[in-house]
PDB file of all heavy atoms in Angstrom:
ATOM      1  N   PHE A   1     106.455  52.354 -21.178  1.00  0.00           N
ATOM      2  CA  PHE A   1     106.547  52.659 -22.599  1.00  0.00           C
ATOM      3  C   PHE A   1     105.880  54.011 -22.787  1.00  0.00           C
ATOM      4  O   PHE A   1     104.711  54.111 -23.129  1.00  0.00           O
ATOM      5  CB  PHE A   1     105.848  51.564 -23.422  1.00  0.00           C
ATOM      6  CG  PHE A   1     106.479  51.307 -24.759  1.00  0.00           C
ATOM      7  CD1 PHE A   1     107.550  50.441 -24.882  1.00  0.00           C
ATOM      8  CD2 PHE A   1     106.005  51.938 -25.900  1.00  0.00           C
ATOM      9  CE1 PHE A   1     108.140  50.202 -26.114  1.00  0.00           C
ATOM     10  CE2 PHE A   1     106.584  51.694 -27.135  1.00  0.00           C
ATOM     11  CZ  PHE A   1     107.655  50.829 -27.245  1.00  0.00           C
ATOM     12  N   GLY A   2     106.665  55.068 -22.527  1.00  0.00           N
ATOM     13  CA  GLY A   2     106.049  56.388 -22.476  1.00  0.00           C
ATOM     14  C   GLY A   2     105.075  56.432 -21.319  1.00  0.00           C
ATOM     15  O   GLY A   2     105.426  56.117 -20.175  1.00  0.00           O
ATOM     16  N   ASP A   3     103.828  56.796 -21.594  1.00  0.00           N
ATOM     17  CA  ASP A   3     102.796  56.863 -20.562  1.00  0.00           C
ATOM     18  C   ASP A   3     102.079  55.530 -20.374  1.00  0.00           C
ATOM     19  O   ASP A   3     101.179  55.419 -19.546  1.00  0.00           O
ATOM     20  CB  ASP A   3     101.760  57.941 -20.905  1.00  0.00           C
ATOM     21  CG  ASP A   3     102.336  59.335 -20.848  1.00  0.00           C
ATOM     22  OD1 ASP A   3     103.378  59.517 -20.173  1.00  0.00           O
ATOM     23  OD2 ASP A   3     101.773  60.247 -21.485  1.00  0.00           O
ATOM     24  N   GLU A   4     102.455  54.510 -21.146  1.00  0.00           N
ATOM     25  CA  GLU A   4     101.808  53.208 -21.099  1.00  0.00           C
ATOM     26  C   GLU A   4     102.714  52.183 -20.418  1.00  0.00           C
ATOM     27  O   GLU A   4     103.892  52.432 -20.162  1.00  0.00           O
ATOM     28  CB  GLU A   4     101.461  52.732 -22.512  1.00  0.00           C
ATOM     29  CG  GLU A   4     100.629  53.715 -23.328  1.00  0.00           C
ATOM     30  CD  GLU A   4      99.237  53.912 -22.785  1.00  0.00           C
ATOM     31  OE1 GLU A   4      98.716  52.975 -22.158  1.00  0.00           O
ATOM     32  OE2 GLU A   4      98.663  54.993 -22.983  1.00  0.00           O
ATOM     33  N   ILE A   5     102.148  51.002 -20.163  1.00  0.00           N
ATOM     34  CA  ILE A   5     102.912  49.872 -19.649  1.00  0.00           C
ATOM     35  C   ILE A   5     102.916  48.792 -20.733  1.00  0.00           C
ATOM     36  O   ILE A   5     101.862  48.372 -21.217  1.00  0.00           O
ATOM     37  CB  ILE A   5     102.291  49.289 -18.366  1.00  0.00           C
ATOM     38  CG1 ILE A   5     102.287  50.329 -17.254  1.00  0.00           C
ATOM     39  CG2 ILE A   5     103.061  48.037 -17.926  1.00  0.00           C
ATOM     40  CD1 ILE A   5     103.661  50.724 -16.756  1.00  0.00           C
ATOM     41  N   PHE A   6     104.102  48.363 -21.120  1.00  0.00           N
ATOM     42  CA  PHE A   6     104.245  47.269 -22.080  1.00  0.00           C
ATOM     43  C   PHE A   6     104.366  45.994 -21.261  1.00  0.00           C
ATOM     44  O   PHE A   6     105.390  45.735 -20.641  1.00  0.00           O
ATOM     45  CB  PHE A   6     105.471  47.497 -22.954  1.00  0.00           C
ATOM     46  CG  PHE A   6     105.629  46.522 -24.077  1.00  0.00           C
ATOM     47  CD1 PHE A   6     104.536  45.855 -24.632  1.00  0.00           C
ATOM     48  CD2 PHE A   6     106.882  46.256 -24.611  1.00  0.00           C
ATOM     49  CE1 PHE A   6     104.698  44.950 -25.680  1.00  0.00           C
ATOM     50  CE2 PHE A   6     107.063  45.365 -25.651  1.00  0.00           C
ATOM     51  CZ  PHE A   6     105.962  44.719 -26.183  1.00  0.00           C
ATOM     52  N   ASP A   7     103.316  45.195 -21.260  1.00  0.00           N
ATOM     53  CA  ASP A   7     103.155  44.090 -20.322  1.00  0.00           C
ATOM     54  C   ASP A   7     103.677  42.795 -20.925  1.00  0.00           C
ATOM     55  O   ASP A   7     103.127  42.279 -21.910  1.00  0.00           O
ATOM     56  CB  ASP A   7     101.665  43.948 -19.981  1.00  0.00           C
ATOM     57  CG  ASP A   7     101.418  43.001 -18.825  1.00  0.00           C
ATOM     58  OD1 ASP A   7     102.386  42.623 -18.151  1.00  0.00           O
ATOM     59  OD2 ASP A   7     100.245  42.634 -18.602  1.00  0.00           O
ATOM     60  N   ASN A   8     104.752  42.276 -20.339  1.00  0.00           N
ATOM     61  CA  ASN A   8     105.328  40.994 -20.756  1.00  0.00           C
ATOM     62  C   ASN A   8     105.671  40.201 -19.506  1.00  0.00           C
ATOM     63  O   ASN A   8     106.816  40.226 -19.030  1.00  0.00           O
ATOM     64  CB  ASN A   8     106.569  41.208 -21.617  1.00  0.00           C
ATOM     65  CG  ASN A   8     106.264  41.837 -22.958  1.00  0.00           C
ATOM     66  OD1 ASN A   8     105.744  41.195 -23.845  1.00  0.00           O
ATOM     67  ND2 ASN A   8     106.566  43.127 -23.080  1.00  0.00           N
ATOM     68  N   THR A   9     104.694  39.512 -18.955  1.00  0.00           N
ATOM     69  CA  THR A   9     104.896  38.738 -17.741  1.00  0.00           C
ATOM     70  C   THR A   9     105.695  37.479 -18.047  1.00  0.00           C
ATOM     71  O   THR A   9     105.824  37.061 -19.213  1.00  0.00           O
ATOM     72  CB  THR A   9     103.565  38.328 -17.121  1.00  0.00           C
ATOM     73  OG1 THR A   9     102.879  37.439 -18.032  1.00  0.00           O
ATOM     74  CG2 THR A   9     102.667  39.538 -16.841  1.00  0.00           C
ATOM     75  N   MET A  10     106.205  36.833 -17.020  1.00  0.00           N
ATOM     76  CA  MET A  10     106.925  35.576 -17.216  1.00  0.00           C
ATOM     77  C   MET A  10     106.054  34.520 -17.891  1.00  0.00           C
ATOM     78  O   MET A  10     106.506  33.854 -18.836  1.00  0.00           O
ATOM     79  CB  MET A  10     107.472  35.075 -15.884  1.00  0.00           C
ATOM     80  CG  MET A  10     108.499  35.997 -15.239  1.00  0.00           C
ATOM     81  SD  MET A  10     110.023  36.172 -16.209  1.00  0.00           S
ATOM     82  CE  MET A  10     110.689  34.508 -16.066  1.00  0.00           C
ATOM     83  N   PRO A  11     104.791  34.317 -17.466  1.00  0.00           N
ATOM     84  CA  PRO A  11     103.955  33.339 -18.175  1.00  0.00           C
ATOM     85  C   PRO A  11     103.769  33.687 -19.652  1.00  0.00           C
ATOM     86  O   PRO A  11     103.750  32.785 -20.504  1.00  0.00           O
ATOM     87  CB  PRO A  11     102.629  33.401 -17.412  1.00  0.00           C
ATOM     88  CG  PRO A  11     103.007  33.822 -16.041  1.00  0.00           C
ATOM     89  CD  PRO A  11     104.135  34.796 -16.227  1.00  0.00           C
ATOM     90  N   THR A  12     103.653  34.994 -19.970  1.00  0.00           N
ATOM     91  CA  THR A  12     103.532  35.402 -21.364  1.00  0.00           C
ATOM     92  C   THR A  12     104.782  35.027 -22.141  1.00  0.00           C
ATOM     93  O   THR A  12     104.708  34.448 -23.237  1.00  0.00           O
ATOM     94  CB  THR A  12     103.296  36.917 -21.462  1.00  0.00           C
ATOM     95  OG1 THR A  12     102.026  37.238 -20.883  1.00  0.00           O
ATOM     96  CG2 THR A  12     103.320  37.392 -22.912  1.00  0.00           C
ATOM     97  N   MET A  13     105.936  35.317 -21.585  1.00  0.00           N
ATOM     98  CA  MET A  13     107.188  35.004 -22.287  1.00  0.00           C
ATOM     99  C   MET A  13     107.374  33.502 -22.443  1.00  0.00           C
ATOM    100  O   MET A  13     107.876  33.036 -23.475  1.00  0.00           O
ATOM    101  CB  MET A  13     108.368  35.642 -21.561  1.00  0.00           C
ATOM    102  CG  MET A  13     108.387  37.161 -21.676  1.00  0.00           C
ATOM    103  SD  MET A  13     109.911  37.889 -21.008  1.00  0.00           S
ATOM    104  CE  MET A  13     109.626  37.693 -19.255  1.00  0.00           C
ATOM    105  N   ARG A  14     106.961  32.731 -21.440  1.00  0.00           N
ATOM    106  CA  ARG A  14     107.058  31.269 -21.575  1.00  0.00           C
ATOM    107  C   ARG A  14     106.157  30.778 -22.711  1.00  0.00           C
ATOM    108  O   ARG A  14     106.539  29.890 -23.490  1.00  0.00           O
ATOM    109  CB  ARG A  14     106.667  30.588 -20.271  1.00  0.00           C
ATOM    110  CG  ARG A  14     107.670  30.781 -19.143  1.00  0.00           C
ATOM    111  CD  ARG A  14     107.342  29.922 -17.946  1.00  0.00           C
ATOM    112  NE  ARG A  14     108.137  30.294 -16.788  1.00  0.00           N
ATOM    113  CZ  ARG A  14     107.692  31.032 -15.773  1.00  0.00           C
ATOM    114  NH1 ARG A  14     106.430  31.419 -15.730  1.00  0.00           N
ATOM    115  NH2 ARG A  14     108.499  31.340 -14.774  1.00  0.00           N
ATOM    116  N   ALA A  15     104.961  31.342 -22.806  1.00  0.00           N
ATOM    117  CA  ALA A  15     104.039  30.943 -23.870  1.00  0.00           C
ATOM    118  C   ALA A  15     104.594  31.297 -25.236  1.00  0.00           C
ATOM    119  O   ALA A  15     104.503  30.513 -26.190  1.00  0.00           O
ATOM    120  CB  ALA A  15     102.681  31.610 -23.663  1.00  0.00           C
ATOM    121  N   PHE A  16     105.207  32.476 -25.342  1.00  0.00           N
ATOM    122  CA  PHE A  16     105.791  32.886 -26.610  1.00  0.00           C
ATOM    123  C   PHE A  16     106.990  32.000 -26.955  1.00  0.00           C
ATOM    124  O   PHE A  16     107.169  31.596 -28.106  1.00  0.00           O
ATOM    125  CB  PHE A  16     106.221  34.354 -26.541  1.00  0.00           C
ATOM    126  CG  PHE A  16     105.085  35.339 -26.692  1.00  0.00           C
ATOM    127  CD1 PHE A  16     103.841  35.110 -26.108  1.00  0.00           C
ATOM    128  CD2 PHE A  16     105.262  36.508 -27.403  1.00  0.00           C
ATOM    129  CE1 PHE A  16     102.810  36.019 -26.240  1.00  0.00           C
ATOM    130  CE2 PHE A  16     104.229  37.426 -27.545  1.00  0.00           C
ATOM    131  CZ  PHE A  16     103.000  37.182 -26.961  1.00  0.00           C
ATOM    132  N   GLY A  17     107.821  31.709 -25.947  1.00  0.00           N
ATOM    133  CA  GLY A  17     108.963  30.831 -26.190  1.00  0.00           C
ATOM    134  C   GLY A  17     108.538  29.451 -26.637  1.00  0.00           C
ATOM    135  O   GLY A  17     109.121  28.870 -27.556  1.00  0.00           O
ATOM    136  N   LYS A  18     107.513  28.902 -25.987  1.00  0.00           N
ATOM    137  CA  LYS A  18     107.003  27.575 -26.337  1.00  0.00           C
ATOM    138  C   LYS A  18     106.521  27.564 -27.781  1.00  0.00           C
ATOM    139  O   LYS A  18     106.809  26.632 -28.544  1.00  0.00           O
ATOM    140  CB  LYS A  18     105.877  27.183 -25.383  1.00  0.00           C
ATOM    141  CG  LYS A  18     105.306  25.789 -25.594  1.00  0.00           C
ATOM    142  CD  LYS A  18     104.290  25.469 -24.483  1.00  0.00           C
ATOM    143  CE  LYS A  18     103.758  24.033 -24.607  1.00  0.00           C
ATOM    144  NZ  LYS A  18     102.882  23.869 -25.777  1.00  0.00           N
ATOM    145  N   ARG A  19     105.774  28.591 -28.177  1.00  0.00           N
ATOM    146  CA  ARG A  19     105.264  28.650 -29.552  1.00  0.00           C
ATOM    147  C   ARG A  19     106.412  28.708 -30.546  1.00  0.00           C
ATOM    148  O   ARG A  19     106.372  28.040 -31.602  1.00  0.00           O
ATOM    149  CB  ARG A  19     104.373  29.895 -29.706  1.00  0.00           C
ATOM    150  CG  ARG A  19     103.913  30.184 -31.135  1.00  0.00           C
ATOM    151  CD  ARG A  19     102.963  29.118 -31.672  1.00  0.00           C
ATOM    152  NE  ARG A  19     101.756  29.063 -30.889  1.00  0.00           N
ATOM    153  CZ  ARG A  19     100.723  29.893 -31.026  1.00  0.00           C
ATOM    154  NH1 ARG A  19     100.760  30.856 -31.946  1.00  0.00           N
ATOM    155  NH2 ARG A  19      99.639  29.738 -30.279  1.00  0.00           N
ATOM    156  N   MET A  20     107.441  29.476 -30.265  1.00  0.00           N
ATOM    157  CA  MET A  20     108.541  29.608 -31.213  1.00  0.00           C
ATOM    158  C   MET A  20     109.362  28.320 -31.293  1.00  0.00           C
ATOM    159  O   MET A  20     109.836  27.946 -32.373  1.00  0.00           O
ATOM    160  CB  MET A  20     109.394  30.818 -30.851  1.00  0.00           C
ATOM    161  CG  MET A  20     108.644  32.121 -31.069  1.00  0.00           C
ATOM    162  SD  MET A  20     109.679  33.591 -30.937  1.00  0.00           S
ATOM    163  CE  MET A  20     108.397  34.865 -30.916  1.00  0.00           C
ATOM    164  N   ILE A  21     109.505  27.629 -30.178  1.00  0.00           N
ATOM    165  CA  ILE A  21     110.167  26.316 -30.208  1.00  0.00           C
ATOM    166  C   ILE A  21     109.359  25.355 -31.066  1.00  0.00           C
ATOM    167  O   ILE A  21     109.899  24.650 -31.933  1.00  0.00           O
ATOM    168  CB  ILE A  21     110.340  25.768 -28.784  1.00  0.00           C
ATOM    169  CG1 ILE A  21     111.389  26.601 -28.019  1.00  0.00           C
ATOM    170  CG2 ILE A  21     110.764  24.300 -28.812  1.00  0.00           C
ATOM    171  CD1 ILE A  21     111.452  26.298 -26.536  1.00  0.00           C
ATOM    172  N   GLU A  22     108.054  25.290 -30.838  1.00  0.00           N
ATOM    173  CA  GLU A  22     107.186  24.366 -31.577  1.00  0.00           C
ATOM    174  C   GLU A  22     107.164  24.676 -33.066  1.00  0.00           C
ATOM    175  O   GLU A  22     107.098  23.756 -33.900  1.00  0.00           O
ATOM    176  CB  GLU A  22     105.770  24.425 -31.012  1.00  0.00           C
ATOM    177  CG  GLU A  22     105.635  23.867 -29.605  1.00  0.00           C
ATOM    178  CD  GLU A  22     104.264  24.104 -28.996  1.00  0.00           C
ATOM    179  OE1 GLU A  22     103.496  24.945 -29.533  1.00  0.00           O
ATOM    180  OE2 GLU A  22     103.945  23.461 -27.996  1.00  0.00           O
ATOM    181  N   ASN A  23     107.187  25.972 -33.424  1.00  0.00           N
ATOM    182  CA  ASN A  23     107.036  26.362 -34.821  1.00  0.00           C
ATOM    183  C   ASN A  23     108.364  26.592 -35.528  1.00  0.00           C
ATOM    184  O   ASN A  23     108.395  27.017 -36.683  1.00  0.00           O
ATOM    185  CB  ASN A  23     106.169  27.620 -34.936  1.00  0.00           C
ATOM    186  CG  ASN A  23     104.709  27.346 -34.647  1.00  0.00           C
ATOM    187  OD1 ASN A  23     104.359  26.282 -34.162  1.00  0.00           O
ATOM    188  ND2 ASN A  23     103.834  28.305 -34.929  1.00  0.00           N
ATOM    189  N   GLY A  24     109.483  26.302 -34.853  1.00  0.00           N
ATOM    190  CA  GLY A  24     110.792  26.437 -35.474  1.00  0.00           C
ATOM    191  C   GLY A  24     111.151  27.857 -35.847  1.00  0.00           C
ATOM    192  O   GLY A  24     111.803  28.104 -36.872  1.00  0.00           O
ATOM    193  N   ILE A  25     110.754  28.811 -35.009  1.00  0.00           N
ATOM    194  CA  ILE A  25     110.988  30.233 -35.269  1.00  0.00           C
ATOM    195  C   ILE A  25     112.178  30.707 -34.439  1.00  0.00           C
ATOM    196  O   ILE A  25     112.232  30.466 -33.237  1.00  0.00           O
ATOM    197  CB  ILE A  25     109.737  31.058 -34.908  1.00  0.00           C
ATOM    198  CG1 ILE A  25     108.534  30.606 -35.753  1.00  0.00           C
ATOM    199  CG2 ILE A  25     109.995  32.547 -35.114  1.00  0.00           C
ATOM    200  CD1 ILE A  25     107.206  31.160 -35.259  1.00  0.00           C
ATOM    201  N   LYS A  26     113.114  31.380 -35.060  1.00  0.00           N
ATOM    202  CA  LYS A  26     114.247  31.965 -34.323  1.00  0.00           C
ATOM    203  C   LYS A  26     113.806  33.316 -33.765  1.00  0.00           C
ATOM    204  O   LYS A  26     113.421  34.207 -34.530  1.00  0.00           O
ATOM    205  CB  LYS A  26     115.448  32.160 -35.234  1.00  0.00           C
ATOM    206  CG  LYS A  26     116.668  32.773 -34.531  1.00  0.00           C
ATOM    207  CD  LYS A  26     117.815  33.000 -35.526  1.00  0.00           C
ATOM    208  CE  LYS A  26     119.009  33.668 -34.866  1.00  0.00           C
ATOM    209  NZ  LYS A  26     119.786  32.745 -34.034  1.00  0.00           N
ATOM    210  N   PRO A  27     113.862  33.496 -32.449  1.00  0.00           N
ATOM    211  CA  PRO A  27     113.455  34.792 -31.896  1.00  0.00           C
ATOM    212  C   PRO A  27     114.535  35.857 -32.081  1.00  0.00           C
ATOM    213  O   PRO A  27     115.738  35.561 -32.089  1.00  0.00           O
ATOM    214  CB  PRO A  27     113.278  34.511 -30.392  1.00  0.00           C
ATOM    215  CG  PRO A  27     113.344  33.030 -30.239  1.00  0.00           C
ATOM    216  CD  PRO A  27     114.156  32.528 -31.404  1.00  0.00           C
ATOM    217  N   GLU A  28     114.092  37.073 -32.230  1.00  0.00           N
ATOM    218  CA  GLU A  28     114.950  38.225 -31.989  1.00  0.00           C
ATOM    219  C   GLU A  28     114.533  38.743 -30.625  1.00  0.00           C
ATOM    220  O   GLU A  28     113.421  39.243 -30.450  1.00  0.00           O
ATOM    221  CB  GLU A  28     114.792  39.303 -33.045  1.00  0.00           C
ATOM    222  CG  GLU A  28     115.684  40.515 -32.773  1.00  0.00           C
ATOM    223  CD  GLU A  28     115.699  41.516 -33.908  1.00  0.00           C
ATOM    224  OE1 GLU A  28     114.688  42.203 -34.106  1.00  0.00           O
ATOM    225  OE2 GLU A  28     116.725  41.616 -34.605  1.00  0.00           O
TER     226      GLU A  28
END
């Protein structure tokens, strides 16, 4: 991300997916 690293590991994405499933949130 330019000079930075935008860190989204598989465990992070699983945690985000789990939260959105639990909270009834539609992801973009």
